[in-house]
Amino acid sequence: MTARHARLVSSLGAIVLAVACTNSYEIQIETPIRPKLDVGAFQRVLVAGFLAGGTEDVDGNLETTRLLRSQLRTKSELRVIDSDVLPLMDVASEKEKNGNESGQSAAAPPAPAAIKEQKDLEPYEHVFANVDYWKKIGEEYQQPLIVTGTVMFTPLQRNQLVQREQEVYDSFGRRRVIPVRSYQERKGFSLDGRFIFIDGRNGATLHSETFAEQVLYSANQSTPALSSYFELMDRLIPSFLSTLSSQKIKGTRVLLQ
C-alpha cells in the first residue's frame, strides 16, 4: 500500500468514526415577527363592525366582529372595547341619502337591494373615508384604534380536477396502481374582503389589507355554512393578529453533537 492510499484509508476511517459518534437531536425554536402596524399610541381597540354580504346563513358583520374581539382579548395587549356592533350598512345608506338630498353626491350609484357579490358593496364603501364619522366614534370610545372593513362570504361551486389511484391488472394477473385524473363537482364557500384600521383620534385610515380564502368539499359532503366560515377565518386570524402585535413562529432545528 502506498503512502497516499494509507492516508486515504485513514481519512475515511476518521470520517466513519466521527459519523458513528455524532448524535442528532431536535430543538424547539421561536422566531419573533414584528407587527405591521405601530399601535404604541393606543391603549384600546374597537372592532366596530363590517360591511357584509353573501349567504344569509351567516351574519358576516356580527360573526366577524365577535371572533376578532375574542382573539384580541387573548392575543393582544390592547384593551378590547365591548360595545354594540355598528350597523355600517345603515350608516352608509343614510349618509348617501343625506348627501343626495343636499346635492353633494348625486353621482353616487344606487345601492343594490341584496349584497350577493363584492361589487354590490361598492356603493357603501364611502363610509370608510368619512373622517368626521370615525372621529366621532373615536371620541365616544376614548380614541381607540378602530378595526372595520368588508366581509363577503359566498357559496362556491366548480368542477375541479382531482387525482386518485386505481388498481389495474394485465393479462398475466399482475397488479399495478396508476393515477387517474377526472373532473369532479366540488361545493364550498369563499371568504373575501378587507380589514381596515382607523385612528380613533382623527378618523384617518392607518392601514388596510385584503384577504381571499376558499374551501371546497366533495359534492355529497354536507358542511354547515357557519363551520366553513370559521374554518376560513382560522386561516386569516394569524395574519390579522400580526398586524397589531408581535407574533412568534414555532419550529424545530436539528443539531449535531
Protein backbone atom coordinates (compact mmCIF):
# COMPACT_ATOMS: atom_id res chain seq x y z
CA MET A 1 0.00 0.00 0.00
CA THR A 2 1.38 3.42 -0.99
CA ALA A 3 1.59 6.32 1.45
CA ARG A 4 -1.20 8.08 -0.48
CA HIS A 5 -3.54 5.13 -0.18
CA ALA A 6 -2.70 4.83 3.50
CA ARG A 7 -3.66 8.46 4.11
CA LEU A 8 -6.91 7.98 2.18
CA VAL A 9 -7.90 4.90 4.20
CA SER A 10 -7.01 6.72 7.41
CA SER A 11 -9.16 9.74 6.45
CA LEU A 12 -12.15 7.58 5.54
CA GLY A 13 -11.82 5.76 8.81
CA ALA A 14 -11.83 9.04 10.72
CA ILE A 15 -14.98 10.19 8.90
CA VAL A 16 -16.79 6.92 9.60
CA LEU A 17 -15.79 7.14 13.26
CA ALA A 18 -16.94 10.75 13.53
CA VAL A 19 -20.32 9.97 11.97
CA ALA A 20 -20.76 6.98 14.25
CA CYS A 21 -20.07 9.14 17.30
CA THR A 22 -22.35 12.01 16.20
CA ASN A 23 -25.75 12.37 17.86
CA SER A 24 -28.52 14.47 16.32
CA TYR A 25 -31.43 15.94 18.16
CA GLU A 26 -34.20 18.44 17.52
CA ILE A 27 -34.68 21.65 19.47
CA GLN A 28 -37.73 23.91 19.51
CA ILE A 29 -37.17 27.49 18.39
CA GLU A 30 -39.37 30.59 18.21
CA THR A 31 -38.87 33.32 15.63
CA PRO A 32 -40.38 36.72 16.55
CA ILE A 33 -42.19 38.71 13.86
CA ARG A 34 -42.63 42.46 14.28
CA PRO A 35 -46.16 43.86 13.83
CA LYS A 36 -47.05 45.55 10.56
CA LEU A 37 -48.68 48.49 12.35
CA ASP A 38 -47.26 50.55 15.24
CA VAL A 39 -50.05 50.62 17.84
CA GLY A 40 -47.96 52.09 20.65
CA ALA A 41 -50.14 55.21 20.72
CA PHE A 42 -53.27 53.22 21.57
CA GLN A 43 -54.44 51.55 24.75
CA ARG A 44 -57.79 50.35 23.44
CA VAL A 45 -59.08 48.69 20.30
CA LEU A 46 -62.65 48.83 18.99
CA VAL A 47 -63.72 46.19 16.47
CA ALA A 48 -66.57 48.34 15.27
CA GLY A 49 -68.34 46.29 12.61
CA PHE A 50 -68.18 45.37 8.93
CA LEU A 51 -69.98 45.87 5.66
CA ALA A 52 -71.02 42.30 4.95
CA GLY A 53 -72.84 40.27 2.34
CA GLY A 54 -73.15 36.90 0.66
CA THR A 55 -75.11 33.98 2.02
CA GLU A 56 -77.84 34.74 4.53
CA ASP A 57 -76.86 31.66 6.56
CA VAL A 58 -74.04 33.62 8.23
CA ASP A 59 -74.17 37.18 9.57
CA GLY A 60 -70.70 38.26 8.43
CA ASN A 61 -70.86 41.54 10.34
CA LEU A 62 -71.80 40.03 13.71
CA GLU A 63 -69.71 36.85 13.48
CA THR A 64 -66.54 38.60 12.30
CA THR A 65 -66.81 41.26 14.99
CA ARG A 66 -67.32 38.67 17.73
CA LEU A 67 -64.46 36.48 16.53
CA LEU A 68 -61.90 39.27 16.20
CA ARG A 69 -62.79 40.67 19.61
CA SER A 70 -62.36 37.22 21.15
CA GLN A 71 -58.96 36.75 19.52
CA LEU A 72 -57.73 40.19 20.55
CA ARG A 73 -58.72 39.64 24.17
CA THR A 74 -56.32 36.72 24.48
CA LYS A 75 -53.60 37.61 21.97
CA SER A 76 -53.22 41.38 22.12
CA GLU A 77 -52.09 43.79 24.81
CA LEU A 78 -54.74 46.31 23.76
CA ARG A 79 -57.89 46.53 25.84
CA VAL A 80 -60.85 45.33 23.77
CA ILE A 81 -63.92 47.57 23.97
CA ASP A 82 -67.28 45.84 24.38
CA SER A 83 -70.00 47.67 22.50
CA ASP A 84 -72.89 47.12 20.15
CA VAL A 85 -71.85 46.18 16.62
CA LEU A 86 -72.18 49.19 14.32
CA PRO A 87 -74.78 48.77 11.53
CA LEU A 88 -72.43 50.13 8.91
CA MET A 89 -74.72 49.29 6.02
CA ASP A 90 -77.42 51.52 7.51
CA VAL A 91 -74.88 54.24 8.33
CA ALA A 92 -73.55 54.25 4.77
CA SER A 93 -77.06 54.26 3.29
CA GLU A 94 -78.13 57.17 5.48
CA LYS A 95 -75.03 59.19 4.60
CA GLU A 96 -75.65 58.59 0.91
CA LYS A 97 -79.31 59.56 1.25
CA ASN A 98 -78.44 62.78 3.04
CA GLY A 99 -75.74 63.56 0.50
CA ASN A 100 -78.15 63.09 -2.42
CA GLU A 101 -80.74 65.29 -0.78
CA SER A 102 -78.20 68.09 -0.34
CA GLY A 103 -76.79 67.59 -3.85
CA GLN A 104 -73.36 66.61 -2.61
CA SER A 105 -73.14 63.10 -4.03
CA ALA A 106 -75.67 62.91 -6.83
CA ALA A 107 -73.25 60.83 -8.87
CA ALA A 108 -73.19 58.01 -6.30
CA PRO A 109 -74.51 54.70 -7.72
CA PRO A 110 -77.79 53.37 -6.33
CA ALA A 111 -77.40 50.87 -3.51
CA PRO A 112 -78.31 47.28 -4.51
CA ALA A 113 -81.25 45.56 -2.84
CA ALA A 114 -79.18 42.48 -1.99
CA ILE A 115 -75.47 42.12 -1.29
CA LYS A 116 -74.50 38.97 -3.16
CA GLU A 117 -71.17 39.89 -4.77
CA GLN A 118 -68.15 42.00 -3.89
CA LYS A 119 -69.18 44.72 -6.36
CA ASP A 120 -72.51 45.10 -4.53
CA LEU A 121 -70.61 46.58 -1.58
CA GLU A 122 -69.02 49.37 -3.60
CA PRO A 123 -71.89 51.88 -3.16
CA TYR A 124 -71.42 51.60 0.62
CA GLU A 125 -67.63 51.72 0.92
CA HIS A 126 -67.55 55.52 1.02
CA VAL A 127 -68.28 55.19 4.73
CA PHE A 128 -64.63 54.26 5.38
CA ALA A 129 -63.47 57.62 4.01
CA ASN A 130 -65.84 59.56 6.27
CA VAL A 131 -63.23 61.05 8.61
CA ASP A 132 -65.78 63.00 10.65
CA TYR A 133 -67.85 59.90 11.37
CA TRP A 134 -64.90 57.82 12.58
CA LYS A 135 -63.52 60.71 14.62
CA LYS A 136 -66.89 60.97 16.34
CA ILE A 137 -66.83 57.22 17.07
CA GLY A 138 -63.31 57.63 18.41
CA GLU A 139 -64.36 60.42 20.76
CA GLU A 140 -67.20 58.27 22.06
CA TYR A 141 -64.82 55.43 22.98
CA GLN A 142 -61.78 57.42 24.20
CA GLN A 143 -59.86 57.49 20.93
CA PRO A 144 -59.11 53.80 20.35
CA LEU A 145 -57.67 52.01 17.36
CA ILE A 146 -60.73 51.16 15.25
CA VAL A 147 -60.99 47.94 13.21
CA THR A 148 -63.57 47.70 10.45
CA GLY A 149 -63.77 46.61 6.80
CA THR A 150 -65.74 44.37 4.45
CA VAL A 151 -66.65 40.70 4.59
CA MET A 152 -68.15 38.73 1.70
CA PHE A 153 -68.97 35.09 2.45
CA THR A 154 -70.49 33.39 -0.57
CA PRO A 155 -71.30 29.84 -1.73
CA LEU A 156 -68.92 28.37 -4.28
CA GLN A 157 -69.40 25.60 -6.84
CA ARG A 158 -67.00 24.42 -9.52
CA ASN A 159 -65.63 21.39 -11.32
CA GLN A 160 -62.15 20.59 -10.06
CA LEU A 161 -59.51 18.26 -11.45
CA VAL A 162 -58.76 15.59 -8.84
CA GLN A 163 -56.38 12.63 -8.89
CA ARG A 164 -56.98 9.21 -7.42
CA GLU A 165 -55.16 5.87 -7.59
CA GLN A 166 -56.70 2.96 -9.43
CA GLU A 167 -55.69 -0.70 -9.43
CA VAL A 168 -55.30 -2.40 -12.83
CA TYR A 169 -54.26 -5.94 -13.80
CA ASP A 170 -52.59 -7.02 -17.01
CA SER A 171 -53.27 -10.25 -18.94
CA PHE A 172 -50.90 -12.15 -16.62
CA GLY A 173 -52.76 -11.02 -13.50
CA ARG A 174 -50.03 -8.65 -12.40
CA ARG A 175 -51.29 -5.71 -10.34
CA ARG A 176 -50.38 -2.10 -10.95
CA VAL A 177 -51.55 1.16 -9.40
CA ILE A 178 -51.92 4.05 -11.82
CA PRO A 179 -53.01 7.68 -11.23
CA VAL A 180 -56.36 8.59 -12.75
CA ARG A 181 -57.46 12.20 -13.16
CA SER A 182 -61.03 13.31 -13.56
CA TYR A 183 -63.19 16.37 -13.05
CA GLN A 184 -65.50 16.26 -10.05
CA GLU A 185 -68.10 18.69 -8.84
CA ARG A 186 -67.00 20.49 -5.68
CA LYS A 187 -69.00 22.77 -3.41
CA GLY A 188 -67.88 25.14 -0.70
CA PHE A 189 -67.51 28.79 0.22
CA SER A 190 -65.28 31.78 -0.44
CA LEU A 191 -64.39 34.49 2.07
CA ASP A 192 -63.20 37.82 0.67
CA GLY A 193 -62.85 41.33 1.98
CA ARG A 194 -60.66 43.90 3.72
CA PHE A 195 -59.50 44.68 7.22
CA ILE A 196 -59.29 48.47 7.70
CA PHE A 197 -57.52 50.07 10.67
CA ILE A 198 -58.60 53.62 11.57
CA ASP A 199 -57.08 56.11 14.00
CA GLY A 200 -59.80 56.97 16.51
CA ARG A 201 -58.06 60.26 17.32
CA ASN A 202 -58.59 61.83 13.92
CA GLY A 203 -60.66 59.37 11.86
CA ALA A 204 -57.89 58.73 9.32
CA THR A 205 -57.17 55.29 7.84
CA LEU A 206 -53.84 53.91 9.06
CA HIS A 207 -53.66 50.62 7.21
CA SER A 208 -55.76 48.20 5.20
CA GLU A 209 -55.19 44.73 3.78
CA THR A 210 -57.29 42.49 1.58
CA PHE A 211 -57.91 38.80 2.05
CA ALA A 212 -59.30 35.97 -0.07
CA GLU A 213 -59.77 32.38 1.02
CA GLN A 214 -61.89 29.49 -0.20
CA VAL A 215 -62.67 25.94 0.78
CA LEU A 216 -64.15 23.18 -1.40
CA TYR A 217 -65.70 19.85 -0.42
CA SER A 218 -66.99 16.89 -2.37
CA ALA A 219 -70.46 17.46 -3.74
CA ASN A 220 -72.04 14.84 -1.47
CA GLN A 221 -70.49 16.26 1.71
CA SER A 222 -72.82 18.40 3.80
CA THR A 223 -70.93 21.10 5.70
CA PRO A 224 -72.79 23.87 7.57
CA ALA A 225 -72.07 27.36 6.32
CA LEU A 226 -71.05 28.59 9.78
CA SER A 227 -68.49 25.77 10.14
CA SER A 228 -66.93 26.70 6.80
CA TYR A 229 -66.87 30.35 7.82
CA PHE A 230 -64.87 29.56 10.98
CA GLU A 231 -62.57 27.24 9.02
CA LEU A 232 -61.71 30.06 6.63
CA MET A 233 -61.36 32.65 9.40
CA ASP A 234 -58.86 30.37 11.16
CA ARG A 235 -56.58 30.87 8.17
CA LEU A 236 -56.89 34.66 8.36
CA ILE A 237 -56.52 35.19 12.10
CA PRO A 238 -52.68 34.83 12.25
CA SER A 239 -52.22 37.50 9.56
CA PHE A 240 -54.74 39.78 11.26
CA LEU A 241 -53.04 39.46 14.64
CA SER A 242 -49.59 40.04 13.17
CA THR A 243 -50.78 43.46 12.04
CA LEU A 244 -51.33 44.62 15.63
CA SER A 245 -48.89 42.71 17.79
CA SER A 246 -45.65 40.78 17.53
CA GLN A 247 -46.11 37.08 16.92
CA LYS A 248 -43.85 34.07 17.26
CA ILE A 249 -43.47 31.31 14.68
CA LYS A 250 -42.58 27.99 16.25
CA GLY A 251 -40.36 25.45 14.52
CA THR A 252 -37.60 22.89 15.01
CA ARG A 253 -33.91 22.71 14.14
CA VAL A 254 -31.69 19.61 14.04
CA LEU A 255 -28.37 19.91 15.88
CA LEU A 256 -25.41 17.53 15.65
CA GLN A 257 -23.29 16.73 18.68
